[in-house]
């Protein structure tokens, strides 16, 4: 980040924070310190059955976990350190299913979920040591058919989730990770079919912060650094597809996402990614009849998203990506219906959006982006015949978008 940008961000922050209530004066303290020291954490869940009506499997593995749910003003201090390995694995194997099969796996090195119904100050530091691993794997094996299925994996080295309804939150978040993170989802039915509906997703993050607010101010100061390899892999191998299939993979080194309504929304700070980021979606189906297949992959080195309704926004972010970013989507099939596929890769991406129900509401900010990594997107399809193909591939080194619009209007 240049000195000029630092000064702009710091100056704007100082002015903004002068008008933010000082919640720390008379509030209850929550202090959390957790260390998972070179330990292995494994959560394994498997189901093997013949014919079934419905089947639900959900597993989660975490090195350190914090949950806060309060309705009075609070200060929260969180310090989590993780080294070692975390793996969450869920696998469903069946002959036939007339209902719905849900299979999900989650793995987190450090995780914090904060629910506020009153104002809060938050300071959070999460560290995932170099050489550590975080893996999530969700698998559905079908011999004959499954009428409906949802299969998903999610993995992150460091993750913070904030839900703030009518609660103003001022937060400082530091996330540092050298862990390798992998999320893999597999739909495996080489001799069977996937029935009426099939959905699959794989999401992998080095560092991630998500905030949802309503009717109050949300102000985030973030410092995210990732050095580990981040990989999301979505695989489908089936003898027959489903009538409606949606599968996707998403991988990002660093991500912050603030969604607010009817209160000021503010993100400032920096994101640095030095770890390779790969998102891969691969679908192989023999015959897919009248099926509609939607498939996507998205890979981002650094991502910042800010969305608000009815009040001003400020995004002051410096993003630096020095690693390769790859998104690949491939389809191979026989005779079938329609295929829609996309692959999108970004070194750095920042988006600020405000829906201005009131006149004068603006999306403001200062974005500084530097990319030196190779950014590649690929979409490829091969099949005998079908209704048609809609495909897109997007690769961007640096992307910054500011949007302000009123309901019913489009830019």
Protein backbone atom coordinates (compact mmCIF):
# COMPACT_ATOMS: atom_id res chain seq x y z
CA UNK A 1 0.00 0.00 0.00
CA UNK A 2 1.41 3.43 -0.92
CA UNK A 3 1.94 6.12 1.73
CA UNK A 4 -0.60 8.28 -0.09
CA UNK A 5 -3.31 5.64 0.07
CA UNK A 6 -2.47 4.84 3.69
CA UNK A 7 -2.89 8.48 4.58
CA UNK A 8 -6.21 8.74 2.77
CA UNK A 9 -7.60 5.63 4.43
CA UNK A 10 -6.27 6.55 7.86
CA UNK A 11 -7.63 10.09 7.59
CA UNK A 12 -11.07 8.95 6.51
CA UNK A 13 -11.09 6.35 9.26
CA UNK A 14 -10.21 8.90 11.91
CA UNK A 15 -12.99 11.26 10.83
CA UNK A 16 -15.51 8.43 10.65
CA UNK A 17 -14.62 6.94 14.02
CA UNK A 18 -15.03 10.33 15.73
CA UNK A 19 -18.76 9.98 15.21
CA UNK A 20 -19.05 6.33 16.21
CA UNK A 21 -20.33 5.62 19.74
CA UNK A 22 -17.64 4.43 22.14
CA UNK A 23 -19.23 1.13 23.09
CA UNK A 24 -16.28 0.07 25.24
CA UNK A 25 -16.94 2.35 28.21
CA UNK A 26 -19.52 0.42 30.24
CA UNK A 27 -19.87 -2.90 28.50
CA UNK A 28 -19.29 -6.50 29.47
CA UNK A 29 -15.98 -7.97 28.36
CA UNK A 30 -15.65 -11.27 26.51
CA UNK A 31 -12.08 -12.44 26.14
CA UNK A 32 -11.28 -15.63 24.26
CA UNK A 33 -7.82 -17.17 23.76
CA UNK A 34 -7.49 -20.56 22.06
CA UNK A 35 -4.46 -22.52 20.84
CA UNK A 36 -4.65 -25.74 18.85
CA UNK A 37 -0.96 -26.71 18.96
CA UNK A 38 0.16 -29.15 16.24
CA UNK A 39 -2.87 -31.34 16.93
CA UNK A 40 -4.89 -33.34 14.41
CA UNK A 41 -8.67 -32.83 14.40
CA UNK A 42 -10.79 -35.30 12.43
CA UNK A 43 -14.56 -35.59 12.01
CA UNK A 44 -15.65 -38.56 9.92
CA UNK A 45 -19.24 -39.47 9.03
CA UNK A 46 -20.24 -42.29 6.67
CA UNK A 47 -23.50 -43.93 5.61
CA UNK A 48 -23.70 -47.10 3.53
CA UNK A 49 -27.21 -48.35 2.74
CA UNK A 50 -29.29 -50.00 0.06
CA UNK A 51 -32.60 -48.29 -0.70
CA UNK A 52 -33.75 -45.26 1.28
CA UNK A 53 -36.36 -42.54 1.40
CA UNK A 54 -34.16 -39.69 2.67
CA UNK A 55 -30.60 -39.44 3.99
CA UNK A 56 -28.90 -36.52 5.76
CA UNK A 57 -25.25 -36.37 6.83
CA UNK A 58 -23.52 -33.25 8.15
CA UNK A 59 -20.10 -33.12 9.78
CA UNK A 60 -17.87 -30.30 11.02
CA UNK A 61 -14.25 -30.24 12.22
CA UNK A 62 -12.62 -27.16 13.79
CA UNK A 63 -9.28 -26.49 15.41
CA UNK A 64 -10.62 -23.56 17.46
CA UNK A 65 -14.23 -22.36 17.65
CA UNK A 66 -15.85 -19.32 19.31
CA UNK A 67 -19.57 -18.61 19.42
CA UNK A 68 -21.03 -15.42 20.90
CA UNK A 69 -24.77 -14.67 21.07
CA UNK A 70 -25.62 -11.61 23.18
CA UNK A 71 -28.38 -8.99 23.40
CA UNK A 72 -26.58 -6.36 25.51
CA UNK A 73 -23.62 -4.09 24.57
CA UNK A 74 -20.36 -6.04 24.62
CA UNK A 75 -16.67 -5.79 23.92
CA UNK A 76 -15.28 -8.98 22.39
CA UNK A 77 -11.58 -9.87 22.23
CA UNK A 78 -10.70 -13.01 20.29
CA UNK A 79 -7.25 -14.60 19.79
CA UNK A 80 -7.09 -17.98 18.03
CA UNK A 81 -3.97 -19.87 16.92
CA UNK A 82 -4.04 -23.10 14.93
CA UNK A 83 -1.36 -25.51 13.78
CA UNK A 84 -1.62 -29.14 12.73
CA UNK A 85 -4.44 -30.54 10.59
CA UNK A 86 -8.22 -30.36 10.47
CA UNK A 87 -10.31 -32.67 8.30
CA UNK A 88 -14.07 -33.01 7.97
CA UNK A 89 -15.36 -35.84 5.79
CA UNK A 90 -18.92 -36.96 4.99
CA UNK A 91 -19.72 -39.80 2.59
CA UNK A 92 -23.11 -41.23 1.60
CA UNK A 93 -23.27 -44.50 -0.33
CA UNK A 94 -26.61 -45.92 -1.47
CA UNK A 95 -28.32 -48.01 -4.12
CA UNK A 96 -31.45 -45.91 -4.67
CA UNK A 97 -33.11 -42.93 -3.03
CA UNK A 98 -36.70 -41.77 -3.59
CA UNK A 99 -36.37 -38.60 -1.55
CA UNK A 100 -33.42 -36.28 -0.85
CA UNK A 101 -29.81 -37.02 0.06
CA UNK A 102 -28.01 -34.19 1.88
CA UNK A 103 -24.28 -34.63 2.46
CA UNK A 104 -22.17 -31.78 3.84
CA UNK A 105 -18.68 -31.42 5.30
CA UNK A 106 -17.08 -28.38 6.96
CA UNK A 107 -13.49 -27.88 8.12
CA UNK A 108 -12.12 -24.76 9.83
CA UNK A 109 -8.76 -23.99 11.39
CA UNK A 110 -10.07 -21.02 13.41
CA UNK A 111 -13.75 -20.08 13.45
CA UNK A 112 -15.70 -17.31 15.21
CA UNK A 113 -19.47 -16.75 14.92
CA UNK A 114 -20.71 -13.53 16.56
CA UNK A 115 -24.41 -12.66 16.89
CA UNK A 116 -25.20 -9.21 18.30
CA UNK A 117 -28.51 -7.55 19.13
CA UNK A 118 -26.82 -4.53 20.70
CA UNK A 119 -23.74 -2.42 19.95
CA UNK A 120 -20.34 -4.09 20.05
CA UNK A 121 -16.61 -3.50 19.70
CA UNK A 122 -14.71 -6.50 18.34
CA UNK A 123 -10.99 -7.19 18.15
CA UNK A 124 -10.11 -10.52 16.56
CA UNK A 125 -6.78 -12.11 15.64
CA UNK A 126 -6.67 -15.51 13.93
CA UNK A 127 -3.46 -17.30 12.94
CA UNK A 128 -3.08 -20.54 10.98
CA UNK A 129 0.53 -21.72 10.96
CA UNK A 130 2.54 -22.41 7.82
CA UNK A 131 2.42 -26.06 6.80
CA UNK A 132 -0.93 -26.72 8.47
CA UNK A 133 -3.75 -28.33 6.48
CA UNK A 134 -7.52 -27.82 6.43
CA UNK A 135 -9.56 -30.27 4.33
CA UNK A 136 -13.28 -30.81 3.79
CA UNK A 137 -14.64 -33.63 1.62
CA UNK A 138 -18.28 -34.44 0.80
CA UNK A 139 -19.12 -37.45 -1.36
CA UNK A 140 -22.33 -38.98 -2.69
CA UNK A 141 -22.06 -42.47 -4.22
CA UNK A 142 -25.14 -43.72 -6.12
CA UNK A 143 -25.49 -47.18 -7.64
CA UNK A 144 -28.96 -46.87 -9.21
CA UNK A 145 -30.60 -43.46 -8.71
CA UNK A 146 -31.09 -40.56 -6.30
CA UNK A 147 -34.16 -38.42 -7.02
CA UNK A 148 -32.79 -35.33 -5.27
CA UNK A 149 -29.42 -34.51 -3.75
CA UNK A 150 -27.45 -31.67 -2.19
CA UNK A 151 -23.72 -32.27 -1.64
CA UNK A 152 -21.40 -29.54 -0.32
CA UNK A 153 -17.96 -29.01 1.21
CA UNK A 154 -16.57 -25.88 2.85
CA UNK A 155 -13.07 -25.28 4.21
CA UNK A 156 -11.26 -22.23 5.62
CA UNK A 157 -8.08 -21.61 7.56
CA UNK A 158 -9.54 -18.55 9.34
CA UNK A 159 -13.20 -17.50 9.33
CA UNK A 160 -15.31 -14.86 11.09
CA UNK A 161 -19.07 -14.51 10.72
CA UNK A 162 -20.96 -11.55 12.23
CA UNK A 163 -24.73 -11.14 12.38
CA UNK A 164 -25.80 -7.76 13.70
CA UNK A 165 -29.47 -6.80 13.72
CA UNK A 166 -30.04 -3.26 15.01
CA UNK A 167 -26.52 -3.46 16.45
CA UNK A 168 -23.68 -1.15 15.44
CA UNK A 169 -20.39 -3.02 15.23
CA UNK A 170 -16.88 -1.58 15.10
CA UNK A 171 -14.37 -4.33 14.43
CA UNK A 172 -10.64 -4.82 13.90
CA UNK A 173 -9.79 -8.14 12.29
CA UNK A 174 -6.38 -9.64 11.64
CA UNK A 175 -6.12 -12.97 9.81
CA UNK A 176 -2.84 -14.62 8.87
CA UNK A 177 -2.61 -18.04 7.23
CA UNK A 178 0.10 -20.28 5.80
CA UNK A 179 -2.19 -23.32 5.79
CA UNK A 180 -3.09 -25.32 2.70
CA UNK A 181 -6.88 -25.44 2.34
CA UNK A 182 -8.85 -27.91 0.22
CA UNK A 183 -12.58 -28.40 -0.32
CA UNK A 184 -13.67 -31.33 -2.49
CA UNK A 185 -17.20 -32.37 -3.45
CA UNK A 186 -17.91 -35.51 -5.47
CA UNK A 187 -21.11 -36.82 -7.07
CA UNK A 188 -20.27 -40.36 -8.11
CA UNK A 189 -22.88 -42.35 -10.04
CA UNK A 190 -21.10 -43.91 -13.05
CA UNK A 191 -23.73 -46.66 -13.46
CA UNK A 192 -26.71 -44.68 -12.15
CA UNK A 193 -28.65 -41.46 -12.55
CA UNK A 194 -29.10 -38.27 -10.55
CA UNK A 195 -32.88 -38.08 -10.77
CA UNK A 196 -34.81 -34.83 -10.72
CA UNK A 197 -32.46 -32.36 -9.00
CA UNK A 198 -28.78 -32.41 -8.06
CA UNK A 199 -26.79 -29.57 -6.49
CA UNK A 200 -23.13 -29.59 -5.55
CA UNK A 201 -20.68 -26.99 -4.25
CA UNK A 202 -17.09 -26.77 -3.03
CA UNK A 203 -15.80 -23.61 -1.33
CA UNK A 204 -12.26 -23.03 -0.03
CA UNK A 205 -10.92 -19.91 1.70
CA UNK A 206 -7.64 -18.91 3.22
CA UNK A 207 -9.08 -16.03 5.27
CA UNK A 208 -12.73 -15.01 5.27
CA UNK A 209 -14.87 -12.39 7.04
CA UNK A 210 -18.62 -12.07 6.45
CA UNK A 211 -20.88 -9.50 8.12
CA UNK A 212 -24.63 -9.02 7.85
CA UNK A 213 -26.20 -5.93 9.44
CA UNK A 214 -29.57 -4.20 9.64
CA UNK A 215 -30.60 -0.73 10.80
CA UNK A 216 -27.18 0.12 12.29
CA UNK A 217 -23.61 1.08 11.32
CA UNK A 218 -21.03 -1.56 10.42
CA UNK A 219 -17.35 -0.56 10.38
CA UNK A 220 -14.64 -3.10 9.63
CA UNK A 221 -10.86 -2.68 9.71
CA UNK A 222 -9.26 -5.75 8.12
CA UNK A 223 -5.72 -7.07 7.67
CA UNK A 224 -5.63 -10.39 5.81
CA UNK A 225 -2.54 -12.33 4.68
CA UNK A 226 -2.56 -15.72 2.98
CA UNK A 227 0.45 -17.82 1.94
CA UNK A 228 -1.13 -21.27 1.67
CA UNK A 229 -2.49 -23.01 -1.42
CA UNK A 230 -6.27 -22.77 -1.71
CA UNK A 231 -8.11 -25.38 -3.77
CA UNK A 232 -11.82 -26.02 -4.45
CA UNK A 233 -12.70 -29.09 -6.49
CA UNK A 234 -16.18 -30.09 -7.74
CA UNK A 235 -16.42 -33.46 -9.53
CA UNK A 236 -19.40 -35.21 -11.16
CA UNK A 237 -19.25 -38.64 -12.80
CA UNK A 238 -22.67 -40.06 -13.69
CA UNK A 239 -24.30 -42.44 -16.13
CA UNK A 240 -27.28 -40.09 -16.37
CA UNK A 241 -27.79 -36.52 -15.24
CA UNK A 242 -30.59 -34.89 -13.29
CA UNK A 243 -33.29 -32.79 -14.94
CA UNK A 244 -31.88 -29.78 -13.11
CA UNK A 245 -28.24 -29.78 -12.05
CA UNK A 246 -26.22 -26.93 -10.55
CA UNK A 247 -22.60 -27.44 -9.49
CA UNK A 248 -19.93 -24.88 -8.60
CA UNK A 249 -16.49 -24.43 -7.09
CA UNK A 250 -15.17 -21.27 -5.44
CA UNK A 251 -11.69 -20.58 -4.05
CA UNK A 252 -10.20 -17.38 -2.65
CA UNK A 253 -7.06 -16.46 -0.78
CA UNK A 254 -8.59 -13.59 1.22
CA UNK A 255 -12.19 -12.44 1.36
CA UNK A 256 -14.26 -9.85 3.20
CA UNK A 257 -18.00 -9.48 2.57
CA UNK A 258 -20.13 -6.81 4.28
CA UNK A 259 -23.88 -6.72 3.59
CA UNK A 260 -25.80 -4.00 5.42
CA UNK A 261 -29.19 -2.26 5.31
CA UNK A 262 -30.23 1.18 6.62
CA UNK A 263 -26.93 1.98 8.29
CA UNK A 264 -23.50 3.28 7.30
CA UNK A 265 -21.23 0.52 5.90
CA UNK A 266 -17.44 0.83 5.95
CA UNK A 267 -14.51 -1.44 5.02
CA UNK A 268 -10.88 -0.39 5.27
CA UNK A 269 -7.56 -2.22 5.40
CA UNK A 270 -5.41 -4.49 3.29
CA UNK A 271 -5.34 -7.96 1.73
CA UNK A 272 -2.19 -9.78 0.62
CA UNK A 273 -2.22 -13.15 -1.14
CA UNK A 274 0.89 -15.21 -1.91
CA UNK A 275 -0.78 -18.63 -2.18
CA UNK A 276 -1.90 -20.28 -5.41
CA UNK A 277 -5.69 -20.30 -5.80
CA UNK A 278 -7.43 -22.99 -7.87
CA UNK A 279 -11.13 -23.62 -8.55
CA UNK A 280 -12.03 -26.63 -10.66
CA UNK A 281 -15.46 -27.91 -11.76
CA UNK A 282 -15.51 -31.06 -13.87
CA UNK A 283 -18.68 -32.84 -15.03
CA UNK A 284 -18.78 -36.14 -16.95
CA UNK A 285 -22.25 -37.52 -17.83
CA UNK A 286 -22.99 -40.24 -20.39
CA UNK A 287 -26.49 -39.19 -21.49
CA UNK A 288 -28.30 -36.19 -20.02
CA UNK A 289 -31.58 -36.40 -21.95
CA UNK A 290 -33.71 -33.26 -21.41
CA UNK A 291 -31.49 -32.06 -18.59
CA UNK A 292 -30.42 -28.50 -17.83
CA UNK A 293 -26.89 -28.31 -16.41
CA UNK A 294 -25.42 -25.15 -14.88
CA UNK A 295 -21.77 -25.31 -13.84
CA UNK A 296 -19.27 -22.71 -12.68
CA UNK A 297 -15.86 -22.11 -11.18
CA UNK A 298 -14.53 -18.93 -9.55
CA UNK A 299 -11.03 -18.24 -8.23
CA UNK A 300 -9.94 -14.96 -6.59
CA UNK A 301 -6.68 -13.97 -4.95
CA UNK A 302 -8.23 -11.12 -2.90
CA UNK A 303 -11.93 -10.29 -2.72
CA UNK A 304 -13.73 -7.37 -1.04
CA UNK A 305 -17.51 -7.00 -1.35
CA UNK A 306 -19.54 -4.17 0.17
CA UNK A 307 -23.31 -3.91 -0.28
CA UNK A 308 -25.67 -1.47 1.41
CA UNK A 309 -29.22 -0.21 1.15
CA UNK A 310 -30.39 3.25 2.13
CA UNK A 311 -27.11 4.67 3.54
CA UNK A 312 -23.59 5.65 2.48
CA UNK A 313 -20.71 3.25 1.97
CA UNK A 314 -16.94 3.60 2.13
CA UNK A 315 -14.43 1.09 0.83
CA UNK A 316 -10.76 1.85 1.43
CA UNK A 317 -8.85 -1.31 0.57
CA UNK A 318 -5.36 -2.14 -0.69
CA UNK A 319 -5.08 -5.52 -2.43
CA UNK A 320 -1.87 -7.27 -3.47
CA UNK A 321 -1.85 -10.63 -5.25
CA UNK A 322 1.47 -12.27 -6.11
CA UNK A 323 0.27 -15.84 -6.81
CA UNK A 324 -1.29 -17.68 -9.74
CA UNK A 325 -5.08 -17.82 -9.86
CA UNK A 326 -6.83 -20.47 -11.96
CA UNK A 327 -10.50 -21.25 -12.68
CA UNK A 328 -11.41 -24.25 -14.84
CA UNK A 329 -14.82 -25.59 -15.87
CA UNK A 330 -15.13 -28.65 -18.10
CA UNK A 331 -18.03 -30.76 -19.36
CA UNK A 332 -18.03 -34.08 -21.19
CA UNK A 333 -21.27 -35.79 -22.16
CA UNK A 334 -23.20 -37.94 -24.60
CA UNK A 335 -26.63 -36.99 -25.93
CA UNK A 336 -28.57 -34.48 -23.88
CA UNK A 337 -30.13 -31.13 -23.14
CA UNK A 338 -28.62 -27.73 -22.37
CA UNK A 339 -25.28 -26.85 -20.78
CA UNK A 340 -24.47 -23.46 -19.25
CA UNK A 341 -20.93 -23.07 -17.96
CA UNK A 342 -18.63 -20.32 -16.73
CA UNK A 343 -15.13 -19.85 -15.39
CA UNK A 344 -13.97 -16.63 -13.72
CA UNK A 345 -10.55 -15.79 -12.29
CA UNK A 346 -9.41 -12.54 -10.63
CA UNK A 347 -6.14 -11.51 -9.06
CA UNK A 348 -7.87 -8.76 -7.07
CA UNK A 349 -11.56 -7.85 -6.99
CA UNK A 350 -13.29 -5.05 -5.07
CA UNK A 351 -16.97 -4.14 -5.42
CA UNK A 352 -18.98 -1.49 -3.57
CA UNK A 353 -22.73 -1.23 -4.19
CA UNK A 354 -25.38 0.99 -2.66
CA UNK A 355 -29.12 1.02 -3.36
CA UNK A 356 -30.12 4.62 -2.62
CA UNK A 357 -33.73 4.85 -1.54
CA UNK A 358 -32.90 8.31 -0.19
CA UNK A 359 -31.36 11.12 -2.30
CA UNK A 360 -27.68 11.82 -1.74
CA UNK A 361 -26.66 8.29 -0.74
CA UNK A 362 -23.26 7.48 -2.23
CA UNK A 363 -20.72 4.71 -2.69
CA UNK A 364 -17.31 6.20 -1.93
CA UNK A 365 -13.85 4.81 -1.47
CA UNK A 366 -10.20 4.44 -2.38
CA UNK A 367 -8.99 1.16 -3.90
CA UNK A 368 -5.34 0.30 -4.61
CA UNK A 369 -4.73 -2.99 -6.45
CA UNK A 370 -1.49 -4.70 -7.50
CA UNK A 371 -1.38 -8.06 -9.26
CA UNK A 372 1.76 -9.92 -10.38
CA UNK A 373 0.34 -13.47 -10.53
CA UNK A 374 -0.82 -15.29 -13.65
CA UNK A 375 -4.63 -15.26 -13.93
CA UNK A 376 -6.24 -17.99 -16.06
CA UNK A 377 -9.82 -19.03 -16.78
CA UNK A 378 -10.89 -21.97 -18.95
CA UNK A 379 -14.27 -23.29 -20.04
CA UNK A 380 -14.37 -26.39 -22.22
CA UNK A 381 -17.20 -28.66 -23.30
CA UNK A 382 -17.37 -31.84 -25.38
CA UNK A 383 -20.51 -33.87 -26.08
CA UNK A 384 -22.28 -35.68 -28.93
CA UNK A 385 -25.46 -33.62 -29.33
CA UNK A 386 -27.88 -31.50 -27.32
CA UNK A 387 -30.03 -28.40 -27.19
CA UNK A 388 -27.16 -26.00 -26.92
CA UNK A 389 -24.24 -24.56 -24.94
CA UNK A 390 -23.81 -21.19 -23.28
CA UNK A 391 -20.27 -20.65 -22.04
CA UNK A 392 -18.11 -17.83 -20.71
CA UNK A 393 -14.56 -17.44 -19.43
CA UNK A 394 -13.32 -14.32 -17.65
CA UNK A 395 -9.80 -13.55 -16.44
CA UNK A 396 -8.96 -10.18 -14.85
CA UNK A 397 -5.82 -9.08 -13.04
CA UNK A 398 -7.44 -6.20 -11.12
CA UNK A 399 -11.15 -5.35 -10.93
CA UNK A 400 -12.72 -2.44 -9.02
CA UNK A 401 -16.42 -1.55 -9.25
CA UNK A 402 -18.46 1.19 -7.55
CA UNK A 403 -22.23 1.24 -8.15
CA UNK A 404 -24.97 3.53 -6.82
CA UNK A 405 -28.55 3.11 -8.03
CA UNK A 406 -32.13 3.62 -7.00
CA UNK A 407 -34.70 0.79 -6.82
CA UNK A 408 -36.04 -0.01 -10.27
CA UNK A 409 -33.09 1.60 -12.03
CA UNK A 410 -30.19 -0.20 -13.66
CA UNK A 411 -26.74 1.10 -14.45
